Amino acid sequence: MRVVPRHRSQPLGAASSRGAERSGAGAAVAHAPAGFFLNPAAIIVVLLSIFPFVLSLGMTFTNWNLLYPGVAFRGLDNWARLFGDATFQRSVANTVFFTVVATAIEYVIGFALALLVLQIERGQRFFRLIFLIPMMISPAAVGYVVGRMLFSETQGPINDLLYRVGISPVPWTSNPAMAPWTIVIADVWQWTSFMFVLLLAGLQSLPHEPFEAARIDGASGWKLFAQITFPLMVPVSVTAVLIRSLELFKLIDLVRVMTGGGPGTATESVTLYVYDLALNRGDMGYGATVAYALLILVVLYALIYLALTRRAVANAT
């Protein structure tokens, strides 16, 4: 004989009480203040960004040095020191040179490659992948392979090739006039792909109607580029140049690996100078001051750049 188990019935009051508890908890969550969910994220943001920002700003008014005990308030002494610091002024000039020259070359080459790949009907994915490879490599690795190996003045393949064709070896990193250009070459090799990707995406999103109308009117390839393609690409171009130039203002890894800022201070960037001041010399107060001077320089550049390009972007859109 099979025995069928009996299910214990729960009291109606207990079931209703649990349902009330669940509905009450849901109502409590629904009516919880917004800060209940936002406060943890806000605390993390404050601890990881705002607090170091304020702390480093306070450091600019002190003589804090890791190599010496004690911290004293110095007022604006660190800021006044900037105007007489020849190394800082040279690092600013070097940084501006890297930013302007490398960004311009990367934009021109990236735009040309994007136009070329756009004409290819089959195999675009392959070329996009090939051009993306340099951007995926660590800048430190690029600095070592390109700067320390390819451009080695005694054992590098480039100087060896020049010697075989009868050209004197080039002092790529030991000549103060040539070393900045070597940094630019390495940066262009790695980051032209960034420009290529953004500009190719912009070209692929352009409307076809203006080009069809211009072709009907007999416009040639150069006229199409100068009068339609380039003006329509102004918003994308402005964005690409701004992003890349802001990144170049923070250039440190290529310089650190390839030349170490030398010869002398011929290739020293502002960020490398901050690194040397704070971590090598322990001068945290003045290092923070130089870092904030770079921040002010970058903000001024971005404001001026956006102000100068605002009208061009408005006309293109």
C-alpha atoms as a PDB file:
ATOM      1  CA  MET A   1       0.000   0.000   0.000  1.00  0.00           C
ATOM      2  CA  ARG A   2       1.470   3.379  -1.083  1.00  0.00           C
ATOM      3  CA  VAL A   3       1.464   6.144   1.437  1.00  0.00           C
ATOM      4  CA  VAL A   4       1.022   9.615   0.013  1.00  0.00           C
ATOM      5  CA  PRO A   5       2.823  12.211   2.151  1.00  0.00           C
ATOM      6  CA  ARG A   6       0.798  15.045   3.430  1.00  0.00           C
ATOM      7  CA  HIS A   7       1.983  18.561   2.892  1.00  0.00           C
ATOM      8  CA  ARG A   8       1.930  20.645   5.976  1.00  0.00           C
ATOM      9  CA  SER A   9      -0.249  23.588   5.401  1.00  0.00           C
ATOM     10  CA  GLN A  10       1.066  26.888   6.675  1.00  0.00           C
ATOM     11  CA  PRO A  11      -1.110  29.148   8.685  1.00  0.00           C
ATOM     12  CA  LEU A  12      -2.658  31.885   6.656  1.00  0.00           C
ATOM     13  CA  GLY A  13      -1.362  34.500   9.073  1.00  0.00           C
ATOM     14  CA  ALA A  14       2.293  33.364   8.729  1.00  0.00           C
ATOM     15  CA  ALA A  15       2.194  33.463   4.901  1.00  0.00           C
ATOM     16  CA  SER A  16       0.606  36.878   4.876  1.00  0.00           C
ATOM     17  CA  SER A  17       3.156  38.176   7.365  1.00  0.00           C
ATOM     18  CA  ARG A  18       6.066  37.044   5.182  1.00  0.00           C
ATOM     19  CA  GLY A  19       4.462  38.631   2.137  1.00  0.00           C
ATOM     20  CA  ALA A  20       4.081  41.830   4.073  1.00  0.00           C
ATOM     21  CA  GLU A  21       7.760  41.687   5.072  1.00  0.00           C
ATOM     22  CA  ARG A  22       8.847  41.286   1.444  1.00  0.00           C
ATOM     23  CA  SER A  23       6.633  44.076   0.231  1.00  0.00           C
ATOM     24  CA  GLY A  24       7.817  46.241   3.090  1.00  0.00           C
ATOM     25  CA  ALA A  25      11.467  45.625   2.196  1.00  0.00           C
ATOM     26  CA  GLY A  26      10.793  46.447  -1.455  1.00  0.00           C
ATOM     27  CA  ALA A  27       8.998  49.611  -0.474  1.00  0.00           C
ATOM     28  CA  ALA A  28      11.891  50.578   1.789  1.00  0.00           C
ATOM     29  CA  VAL A  29      14.399  50.140  -1.052  1.00  0.00           C
ATOM     30  CA  ALA A  30      12.161  52.045  -3.453  1.00  0.00           C
ATOM     31  CA  HIS A  31      11.804  54.936  -1.031  1.00  0.00           C
ATOM     32  CA  ALA A  32      15.468  54.949   0.065  1.00  0.00           C
ATOM     33  CA  PRO A  33      17.176  58.297  -0.466  1.00  0.00           C
ATOM     34  CA  ALA A  34      19.379  58.613  -3.552  1.00  0.00           C
ATOM     35  CA  GLY A  35      22.415  59.163  -1.379  1.00  0.00           C
ATOM     36  CA  PHE A  36      22.027  55.642   0.008  1.00  0.00           C
ATOM     37  CA  PHE A  37      23.259  54.271  -3.321  1.00  0.00           C
ATOM     38  CA  LEU A  38      25.463  57.186  -4.450  1.00  0.00           C
ATOM     39  CA  ASN A  39      27.453  57.759  -1.294  1.00  0.00           C
ATOM     40  CA  PRO A  40      29.742  54.689  -1.608  1.00  0.00           C
ATOM     41  CA  ALA A  41      30.694  55.633  -5.169  1.00  0.00           C
ATOM     42  CA  ALA A  42      31.144  59.274  -4.170  1.00  0.00           C
ATOM     43  CA  ILE A  43      33.428  58.294  -1.297  1.00  0.00           C
ATOM     44  CA  ILE A  44      35.595  56.203  -3.650  1.00  0.00           C
ATOM     45  CA  VAL A  45      35.844  59.099  -6.120  1.00  0.00           C
ATOM     46  CA  VAL A  46      36.868  61.480  -3.346  1.00  0.00           C
ATOM     47  CA  LEU A  47      39.492  59.122  -1.959  1.00  0.00           C
ATOM     48  CA  LEU A  48      41.011  58.217  -5.336  1.00  0.00           C
ATOM     49  CA  SER A  49      40.900  61.540  -7.176  1.00  0.00           C
ATOM     50  CA  ILE A  50      39.799  64.637  -5.315  1.00  0.00           C
ATOM     51  CA  PHE A  51      41.798  64.004  -2.156  1.00  0.00           C
ATOM     52  CA  PRO A  52      45.135  63.461  -3.996  1.00  0.00           C
ATOM     53  CA  PHE A  53      44.334  66.505  -6.141  1.00  0.00           C
ATOM     54  CA  VAL A  54      43.847  68.737  -3.115  1.00  0.00           C
ATOM     55  CA  LEU A  55      46.794  67.200  -1.256  1.00  0.00           C
ATOM     56  CA  SER A  56      49.191  67.749  -4.167  1.00  0.00           C
ATOM     57  CA  LEU A  57      47.923  71.319  -4.536  1.00  0.00           C
ATOM     58  CA  GLY A  58      48.763  71.928  -0.889  1.00  0.00           C
ATOM     59  CA  MET A  59      52.213  70.438  -1.466  1.00  0.00           C
ATOM     60  CA  THR A  60      53.021  73.206  -3.934  1.00  0.00           C
ATOM     61  CA  PHE A  61      53.136  75.658  -1.030  1.00  0.00           C
ATOM     62  CA  THR A  62      55.564  73.606   1.063  1.00  0.00           C
ATOM     63  CA  ASN A  63      59.208  72.534   0.985  1.00  0.00           C
ATOM     64  CA  TRP A  64      58.396  68.850   1.477  1.00  0.00           C
ATOM     65  CA  ASN A  65      61.419  66.752   0.542  1.00  0.00           C
ATOM     66  CA  LEU A  66      61.597  63.018   1.121  1.00  0.00           C
ATOM     67  CA  LEU A  67      65.331  63.223   1.794  1.00  0.00           C
ATOM     68  CA  TYR A  68      65.047  65.738   4.623  1.00  0.00           C
ATOM     69  CA  PRO A  69      62.843  65.702   7.728  1.00  0.00           C
ATOM     70  CA  GLY A  70      60.154  68.265   8.385  1.00  0.00           C
ATOM     71  CA  VAL A  71      57.710  70.189   6.219  1.00  0.00           C
ATOM     72  CA  ALA A  72      57.402  73.979   6.253  1.00  0.00           C
ATOM     73  CA  PHE A  73      55.049  76.381   4.535  1.00  0.00           C
ATOM     74  CA  ARG A  74      56.847  78.328   1.782  1.00  0.00           C
ATOM     75  CA  GLY A  75      54.011  80.301   0.229  1.00  0.00           C
ATOM     76  CA  LEU A  76      54.598  81.027  -3.461  1.00  0.00           C
ATOM     77  CA  ASP A  77      58.335  80.276  -3.414  1.00  0.00           C
ATOM     78  CA  ASN A  78      57.919  77.126  -5.543  1.00  0.00           C
ATOM     79  CA  TRP A  79      55.838  79.008  -8.108  1.00  0.00           C
ATOM     80  CA  ALA A  80      58.390  81.825  -8.284  1.00  0.00           C
ATOM     81  CA  ARG A  81      61.105  79.233  -8.752  1.00  0.00           C
ATOM     82  CA  LEU A  82      59.509  78.162 -12.051  1.00  0.00           C
ATOM     83  CA  PHE A  83      60.420  81.434 -13.760  1.00  0.00           C
ATOM     84  CA  GLY A  84      64.132  80.963 -13.065  1.00  0.00           C
ATOM     85  CA  ASP A  85      64.278  77.222 -13.730  1.00  0.00           C
ATOM     86  CA  ALA A  86      66.004  76.721 -17.076  1.00  0.00           C
ATOM     87  CA  THR A  87      65.338  72.961 -17.022  1.00  0.00           C
ATOM     88  CA  PHE A  88      61.604  73.515 -16.579  1.00  0.00           C
ATOM     89  CA  GLN A  89      61.520  76.033 -19.416  1.00  0.00           C
ATOM     90  CA  ARG A  90      63.444  73.673 -21.688  1.00  0.00           C
ATOM     91  CA  SER A  91      61.121  70.778 -20.789  1.00  0.00           C
ATOM     92  CA  VAL A  92      58.102  72.921 -21.677  1.00  0.00           C
ATOM     93  CA  ALA A  93      59.662  73.800 -25.044  1.00  0.00           C
ATOM     94  CA  ASN A  94      60.425  70.126 -25.693  1.00  0.00           C
ATOM     95  CA  THR A  95      56.892  69.074 -24.748  1.00  0.00           C
ATOM     96  CA  VAL A  96      55.347  71.688 -27.041  1.00  0.00           C
ATOM     97  CA  PHE A  97      57.645  70.519 -29.863  1.00  0.00           C
ATOM     98  CA  PHE A  98      56.684  66.870 -29.374  1.00  0.00           C
ATOM     99  CA  THR A  99      52.989  67.749 -29.203  1.00  0.00           C
ATOM    100  CA  VAL A 100      52.807  70.013 -32.241  1.00  0.00           C
ATOM    101  CA  VAL A 101      55.116  68.101 -34.590  1.00  0.00           C
ATOM    102  CA  ALA A 102      54.046  64.549 -33.735  1.00  0.00           C
ATOM    103  CA  THR A 103      50.323  65.399 -33.779  1.00  0.00           C
ATOM    104  CA  ALA A 104      50.604  67.116 -37.165  1.00  0.00           C
ATOM    105  CA  ILE A 105      52.537  64.239 -38.754  1.00  0.00           C
ATOM    106  CA  GLU A 106      50.226  61.604 -37.272  1.00  0.00           C
ATOM    107  CA  TYR A 107      47.166  63.479 -38.520  1.00  0.00           C
ATOM    108  CA  VAL A 108      48.461  63.834 -42.076  1.00  0.00           C
ATOM    109  CA  ILE A 109      49.630  60.221 -42.357  1.00  0.00           C
ATOM    110  CA  GLY A 110      46.535  58.885 -40.588  1.00  0.00           C
ATOM    111  CA  PHE A 111      44.224  60.842 -42.902  1.00  0.00           C
ATOM    112  CA  ALA A 112      46.106  59.614 -45.985  1.00  0.00           C
ATOM    113  CA  LEU A 113      45.935  55.994 -44.828  1.00  0.00           C
ATOM    114  CA  ALA A 114      42.234  56.337 -44.025  1.00  0.00           C
ATOM    115  CA  LEU A 115      41.507  57.706 -47.502  1.00  0.00           C
ATOM    116  CA  LEU A 116      43.546  54.914 -49.046  1.00  0.00           C
ATOM    117  CA  VAL A 117      41.875  52.120 -47.089  1.00  0.00           C
ATOM    118  CA  LEU A 118      38.454  53.625 -47.798  1.00  0.00           C
ATOM    119  CA  GLN A 119      39.031  52.991 -51.513  1.00  0.00           C
ATOM    120  CA  ILE A 120      39.689  49.280 -50.910  1.00  0.00           C
ATOM    121  CA  GLU A 121      36.536  47.250 -51.487  1.00  0.00           C
ATOM    122  CA  ARG A 122      37.832  43.959 -50.102  1.00  0.00           C
ATOM    123  CA  GLY A 123      40.198  43.410 -47.196  1.00  0.00           C
ATOM    124  CA  GLN A 124      39.450  46.533 -45.147  1.00  0.00           C
ATOM    125  CA  ARG A 125      39.308  44.524 -41.916  1.00  0.00           C
ATOM    126  CA  PHE A 126      42.772  43.097 -42.593  1.00  0.00           C
ATOM    127  CA  PHE A 127      44.347  46.523 -43.079  1.00  0.00           C
ATOM    128  CA  ARG A 128      42.559  47.962 -40.055  1.00  0.00           C
ATOM    129  CA  LEU A 129      43.959  45.154 -37.941  1.00  0.00           C
ATOM    130  CA  ILE A 130      47.485  45.621 -39.314  1.00  0.00           C
ATOM    131  CA  PHE A 131      47.453  49.351 -38.631  1.00  0.00           C
ATOM    132  CA  LEU A 132      46.153  48.793 -35.097  1.00  0.00           C
ATOM    133  CA  ILE A 133      49.052  46.562 -34.049  1.00  0.00           C
ATOM    134  CA  PRO A 134      51.489  49.374 -33.099  1.00  0.00           C
ATOM    135  CA  MET A 135      48.875  50.986 -30.854  1.00  0.00           C
ATOM    136  CA  MET A 136      48.460  47.717 -28.943  1.00  0.00           C
ATOM    137  CA  ILE A 137      52.142  47.603 -27.951  1.00  0.00           C
ATOM    138  CA  SER A 138      53.356  49.133 -24.709  1.00  0.00           C
ATOM    139  CA  PRO A 139      55.075  52.513 -25.256  1.00  0.00           C
ATOM    140  CA  ALA A 140      58.001  51.286 -23.166  1.00  0.00           C
ATOM    141  CA  ALA A 141      58.398  48.311 -25.508  1.00  0.00           C
ATOM    142  CA  VAL A 142      58.193  50.609 -28.521  1.00  0.00           C
ATOM    143  CA  GLY A 143      60.846  52.840 -26.997  1.00  0.00           C
ATOM    144  CA  TYR A 144      63.153  49.895 -26.476  1.00  0.00           C
ATOM    145  CA  VAL A 145      62.617  48.204 -29.856  1.00  0.00           C
ATOM    146  CA  VAL A 146      62.469  51.339 -32.000  1.00  0.00           C
ATOM    147  CA  GLY A 147      64.701  53.660 -30.032  1.00  0.00           C
ATOM    148  CA  ARG A 148      67.260  51.384 -28.404  1.00  0.00           C
ATOM    149  CA  MET A 149      67.540  48.731 -31.114  1.00  0.00           C
ATOM    150  CA  LEU A 150      66.565  50.086 -34.545  1.00  0.00           C
ATOM    151  CA  PHE A 151      68.102  53.511 -33.893  1.00  0.00           C
ATOM    152  CA  SER A 152      71.169  52.235 -32.067  1.00  0.00           C
ATOM    153  CA  GLU A 153      74.078  54.269 -33.372  1.00  0.00           C
ATOM    154  CA  THR A 154      76.618  51.431 -33.218  1.00  0.00           C
ATOM    155  CA  GLN A 155      74.645  48.221 -33.734  1.00  0.00           C
ATOM    156  CA  GLY A 156      71.296  49.357 -35.154  1.00  0.00           C
ATOM    157  CA  PRO A 157      70.130  48.093 -38.554  1.00  0.00           C
ATOM    158  CA  ILE A 158      69.209  51.588 -39.774  1.00  0.00           C
ATOM    159  CA  ASN A 159      72.734  52.993 -39.421  1.00  0.00           C
ATOM    160  CA  ASP A 160      74.119  49.770 -40.827  1.00  0.00           C
ATOM    161  CA  LEU A 161      71.940  50.167 -43.907  1.00  0.00           C
ATOM    162  CA  LEU A 162      73.001  53.795 -44.291  1.00  0.00           C
ATOM    163  CA  TYR A 163      76.642  52.782 -44.059  1.00  0.00           C
ATOM    164  CA  ARG A 164      76.196  50.144 -46.780  1.00  0.00           C
ATOM    165  CA  VAL A 165      74.779  52.732 -49.202  1.00  0.00           C
ATOM    166  CA  GLY A 166      77.593  55.182 -48.466  1.00  0.00           C
ATOM    167  CA  ILE A 167      75.860  57.492 -45.957  1.00  0.00           C
ATOM    168  CA  SER A 168      77.501  58.388 -42.675  1.00  0.00           C
ATOM    169  CA  PRO A 169      75.814  56.958 -39.549  1.00  0.00           C
ATOM    170  CA  VAL A 170      73.288  59.295 -37.973  1.00  0.00           C
ATOM    171  CA  PRO A 171      73.617  60.187 -34.253  1.00  0.00           C
ATOM    172  CA  TRP A 172      69.963  59.440 -33.585  1.00  0.00           C
ATOM    173  CA  THR A 173      69.991  59.860 -29.800  1.00  0.00           C
ATOM    174  CA  SER A 174      73.378  61.424 -28.978  1.00  0.00           C
ATOM    175  CA  ASN A 175      72.936  64.613 -30.999  1.00  0.00           C
ATOM    176  CA  PRO A 176      70.830  67.279 -29.206  1.00  0.00           C
ATOM    177  CA  ALA A 177      69.356  68.435 -32.508  1.00  0.00           C
ATOM    178  CA  MET A 178      68.515  64.928 -33.757  1.00  0.00           C
ATOM    179  CA  ALA A 179      67.314  63.257 -30.550  1.00  0.00           C
ATOM    180  CA  PRO A 180      63.922  65.083 -30.388  1.00  0.00           C
ATOM    181  CA  TRP A 181      63.171  63.992 -33.942  1.00  0.00           C
ATOM    182  CA  THR A 182      63.971  60.400 -33.014  1.00  0.00           C
ATOM    183  CA  ILE A 183      61.359  60.615 -30.245  1.00  0.00           C
ATOM    184  CA  VAL A 184      58.860  62.010 -32.755  1.00  0.00           C
ATOM    185  CA  ILE A 185      59.564  59.186 -35.223  1.00  0.00           C
ATOM    186  CA  ALA A 186      58.914  56.548 -32.566  1.00  0.00           C
ATOM    187  CA  ASP A 187      55.703  58.231 -31.426  1.00  0.00           C
ATOM    188  CA  VAL A 188      54.469  58.625 -35.007  1.00  0.00           C
ATOM    189  CA  TRP A 189      55.134  54.944 -35.686  1.00  0.00           C
ATOM    190  CA  GLN A 190      53.015  53.905 -32.725  1.00  0.00           C
ATOM    191  CA  TRP A 191      50.146  56.389 -32.634  1.00  0.00           C
ATOM    192  CA  THR A 192      49.401  57.145 -36.284  1.00  0.00           C
ATOM    193  CA  SER A 193      47.037  54.171 -36.051  1.00  0.00           C
ATOM    194  CA  PHE A 194      44.951  56.101 -33.510  1.00  0.00           C
ATOM    195  CA  MET A 195      44.384  58.887 -36.015  1.00  0.00           C
ATOM    196  CA  PHE A 196      43.755  56.319 -38.732  1.00  0.00           C
ATOM    197  CA  VAL A 197      40.983  54.587 -36.793  1.00  0.00           C
ATOM    198  CA  LEU A 198      39.127  57.793 -35.859  1.00  0.00           C
ATOM    199  CA  LEU A 199      39.430  59.368 -39.294  1.00  0.00           C
ATOM    200  CA  LEU A 200      38.428  56.173 -41.116  1.00  0.00           C
ATOM    201  CA  ALA A 201      35.317  55.927 -38.948  1.00  0.00           C
ATOM    202  CA  GLY A 202      34.532  59.555 -39.750  1.00  0.00           C
ATOM    203  CA  LEU A 203      34.983  59.024 -43.478  1.00  0.00           C
ATOM    204  CA  GLN A 204      32.713  55.985 -43.449  1.00  0.00           C
ATOM    205  CA  SER A 205      29.961  57.994 -41.741  1.00  0.00           C
ATOM    206  CA  LEU A 206      29.897  60.855 -44.276  1.00  0.00           C
ATOM    207  CA  PRO A 207      26.693  61.220 -46.322  1.00  0.00           C
ATOM    208  CA  HIS A 208      26.871  60.193 -49.982  1.00  0.00           C
ATOM    209  CA  GLU A 209      24.545  62.856 -51.425  1.00  0.00           C
ATOM    210  CA  PRO A 210      27.057  65.765 -51.515  1.00  0.00           C
ATOM    211  CA  PHE A 211      29.624  63.610 -53.326  1.00  0.00           C
ATOM    212  CA  GLU A 212      27.100  62.396 -55.902  1.00  0.00           C
ATOM    213  CA  ALA A 213      25.935  65.940 -56.583  1.00  0.00           C
ATOM    214  CA  ALA A 214      29.532  67.163 -56.939  1.00  0.00           C
ATOM    215  CA  ARG A 215      30.378  64.360 -59.381  1.00  0.00           C
ATOM    216  CA  ILE A 216      27.367  65.258 -61.499  1.00  0.00           C
ATOM    217  CA  ASP A 217      28.710  68.837 -61.617  1.00  0.00           C
ATOM    218  CA  GLY A 218      32.045  67.477 -62.829  1.00  0.00           C
ATOM    219  CA  ALA A 219      34.114  67.867 -59.655  1.00  0.00           C
ATOM    220  CA  SER A 220      37.455  66.066 -59.676  1.00  0.00           C
ATOM    221  CA  GLY A 221      39.044  64.012 -56.913  1.00  0.00           C
ATOM    222  CA  TRP A 222      41.016  66.910 -55.424  1.00  0.00           C
ATOM    223  CA  LYS A 223      38.002  69.242 -55.498  1.00  0.00           C
ATOM    224  CA  LEU A 224      35.904  66.579 -53.794  1.00  0.00           C
ATOM    225  CA  PHE A 225      38.458  66.344 -51.001  1.00  0.00           C
ATOM    226  CA  ALA A 226      39.087  70.066 -50.584  1.00  0.00           C
ATOM    227  CA  GLN A 227      35.489  71.257 -50.864  1.00  0.00           C
ATOM    228  CA  ILE A 228      33.475  68.359 -49.400  1.00  0.00           C
ATOM    229  CA  THR A 229      35.486  65.656 -47.646  1.00  0.00           C
ATOM    230  CA  PHE A 230      37.799  67.830 -45.581  1.00  0.00           C
ATOM    231  CA  PRO A 231      35.134  70.374 -44.464  1.00  0.00           C
ATOM    232  CA  LEU A 232      32.767  67.574 -43.442  1.00  0.00           C
ATOM    233  CA  MET A 233      35.590  65.889 -41.516  1.00  0.00           C
ATOM    234  CA  VAL A 234      36.389  68.990 -39.447  1.00  0.00           C
ATOM    235  CA  PRO A 235      34.478  67.870 -36.298  1.00  0.00           C
ATOM    236  CA  VAL A 236      36.191  64.465 -36.300  1.00  0.00           C
ATOM    237  CA  SER A 237      39.555  66.040 -37.071  1.00  0.00           C
ATOM    238  CA  VAL A 238      39.251  68.552 -34.244  1.00  0.00           C
ATOM    239  CA  THR A 239      38.404  65.796 -31.783  1.00  0.00           C
ATOM    240  CA  ALA A 240      41.195  63.496 -32.946  1.00  0.00           C
ATOM    241  CA  VAL A 241      43.832  66.221 -32.810  1.00  0.00           C
ATOM    242  CA  LEU A 242      42.679  67.385 -29.372  1.00  0.00           C
ATOM    243  CA  ILE A 243      42.748  63.891 -27.852  1.00  0.00           C
ATOM    244  CA  ARG A 244      46.142  63.036 -29.310  1.00  0.00           C
ATOM    245  CA  SER A 245      47.742  66.354 -28.382  1.00  0.00           C
ATOM    246  CA  LEU A 246      46.496  66.111 -24.795  1.00  0.00           C
ATOM    247  CA  GLU A 247      48.081  62.672 -24.553  1.00  0.00           C
ATOM    248  CA  LEU A 248      51.372  63.975 -25.950  1.00  0.00           C
ATOM    249  CA  PHE A 249      51.525  66.640 -23.256  1.00  0.00           C
ATOM    250  CA  LYS A 250      51.935  63.729 -20.817  1.00  0.00           C
ATOM    251  CA  LEU A 251      54.678  62.007 -22.830  1.00  0.00           C
ATOM    252  CA  ILE A 252      57.148  60.212 -20.563  1.00  0.00           C
ATOM    253  CA  ASP A 253      57.595  56.513 -21.384  1.00  0.00           C
ATOM    254  CA  LEU A 254      59.176  56.869 -24.821  1.00  0.00           C
ATOM    255  CA  VAL A 255      61.541  59.567 -23.589  1.00  0.00           C
ATOM    256  CA  ARG A 256      62.416  57.667 -20.418  1.00  0.00           C
ATOM    257  CA  VAL A 257      63.351  54.503 -22.329  1.00  0.00           C
ATOM    258  CA  MET A 258      64.934  55.977 -25.452  1.00  0.00           C
ATOM    259  CA  THR A 259      67.019  58.901 -24.178  1.00  0.00           C
ATOM    260  CA  GLY A 260      66.312  59.422 -20.486  1.00  0.00           C
ATOM    261  CA  GLY A 261      65.776  63.098 -21.321  1.00  0.00           C
ATOM    262  CA  GLY A 262      69.224  63.503 -22.824  1.00  0.00           C
ATOM    263  CA  PRO A 263      71.577  64.371 -24.194  1.00  0.00           C
ATOM    264  CA  GLY A 264      71.553  66.961 -21.444  1.00  0.00           C
ATOM    265  CA  THR A 265      67.963  68.176 -21.386  1.00  0.00           C
ATOM    266  CA  ALA A 266      67.448  68.054 -25.157  1.00  0.00           C
ATOM    267  CA  THR A 267      64.511  65.620 -24.961  1.00  0.00           C
ATOM    268  CA  GLU A 268      63.311  66.049 -21.373  1.00  0.00           C
ATOM    269  CA  SER A 269      59.520  66.390 -21.196  1.00  0.00           C
ATOM    270  CA  VAL A 270      57.649  68.061 -18.355  1.00  0.00           C
ATOM    271  CA  THR A 271      56.314  64.768 -17.008  1.00  0.00           C
ATOM    272  CA  LEU A 272      59.803  63.260 -17.015  1.00  0.00           C
ATOM    273  CA  TYR A 273      61.042  66.325 -15.146  1.00  0.00           C
ATOM    274  CA  VAL A 274      58.289  65.853 -12.541  1.00  0.00           C
ATOM    275  CA  TYR A 275      59.315  62.208 -12.200  1.00  0.00           C
ATOM    276  CA  ASP A 276      62.942  63.182 -11.711  1.00  0.00           C
ATOM    277  CA  LEU A 277      62.127  65.872  -9.148  1.00  0.00           C
ATOM    278  CA  ALA A 278      59.706  63.875  -7.022  1.00  0.00           C
ATOM    279  CA  LEU A 279      61.043  60.323  -7.195  1.00  0.00           C
ATOM    280  CA  ASN A 280      64.752  60.727  -7.875  1.00  0.00           C
ATOM    281  CA  ARG A 281      65.471  63.893  -5.897  1.00  0.00           C
ATOM    282  CA  GLY A 282      62.635  63.584  -3.382  1.00  0.00           C
ATOM    283  CA  ASP A 283      61.541  67.204  -3.941  1.00  0.00           C
ATOM    284  CA  MET A 284      57.813  66.588  -3.643  1.00  0.00           C
ATOM    285  CA  GLY A 285      56.860  70.227  -3.157  1.00  0.00           C
ATOM    286  CA  TYR A 286      58.525  71.565  -6.278  1.00  0.00           C
ATOM    287  CA  GLY A 287      57.638  68.435  -8.254  1.00  0.00           C
ATOM    288  CA  ALA A 288      53.961  69.031  -7.480  1.00  0.00           C
ATOM    289  CA  THR A 289      54.369  72.654  -8.550  1.00  0.00           C
ATOM    290  CA  VAL A 290      55.782  71.637 -11.934  1.00  0.00           C
ATOM    291  CA  ALA A 291      52.941  69.139 -12.347  1.00  0.00           C
ATOM    292  CA  TYR A 292      50.345  71.835 -11.686  1.00  0.00           C
ATOM    293  CA  ALA A 293      52.133  74.176 -14.079  1.00  0.00           C
ATOM    294  CA  LEU A 294      51.713  71.488 -16.740  1.00  0.00           C
ATOM    295  CA  LEU A 295      48.028  71.178 -15.851  1.00  0.00           C
ATOM    296  CA  ILE A 296      47.555  74.932 -16.281  1.00  0.00           C
ATOM    297  CA  LEU A 297      49.396  74.796 -19.612  1.00  0.00           C
ATOM    298  CA  VAL A 298      47.206  71.940 -20.871  1.00  0.00           C
ATOM    299  CA  VAL A 299      43.974  73.659 -19.789  1.00  0.00           C
ATOM    300  CA  LEU A 300      44.993  76.901 -21.499  1.00  0.00           C
ATOM    301  CA  TYR A 301      45.909  75.008 -24.654  1.00  0.00           C
ATOM    302  CA  ALA A 302      42.579  73.152 -24.709  1.00  0.00           C
ATOM    303  CA  LEU A 303      40.578  76.367 -24.178  1.00  0.00           C
ATOM    304  CA  ILE A 304      42.445  78.250 -26.907  1.00  0.00           C
ATOM    305  CA  TYR A 305      42.260  75.300 -29.294  1.00  0.00           C
ATOM    306  CA  LEU A 306      38.508  74.854 -28.820  1.00  0.00           C
ATOM    307  CA  ALA A 307      37.915  78.594 -29.158  1.00  0.00           C
ATOM    308  CA  LEU A 308      39.846  78.717 -32.448  1.00  0.00           C
ATOM    309  CA  THR A 309      38.115  75.660 -33.912  1.00  0.00           C
ATOM    310  CA  ARG A 310      34.580  76.354 -32.676  1.00  0.00           C
ATOM    311  CA  ARG A 311      33.576  78.331 -35.763  1.00  0.00           C
ATOM    312  CA  ALA A 312      34.976  75.694 -38.145  1.00  0.00           C
ATOM    313  CA  VAL A 313      33.088  72.950 -36.336  1.00  0.00           C
ATOM    314  CA  ALA A 314      29.866  75.001 -36.358  1.00  0.00           C
ATOM    315  CA  ASN A 315      30.167  75.591 -40.124  1.00  0.00           C
ATOM    316  CA  ALA A 316      30.772  71.882 -40.760  1.00  0.00           C
ATOM    317  CA  THR A 317      27.762  70.810 -38.733  1.00  0.00           C
END
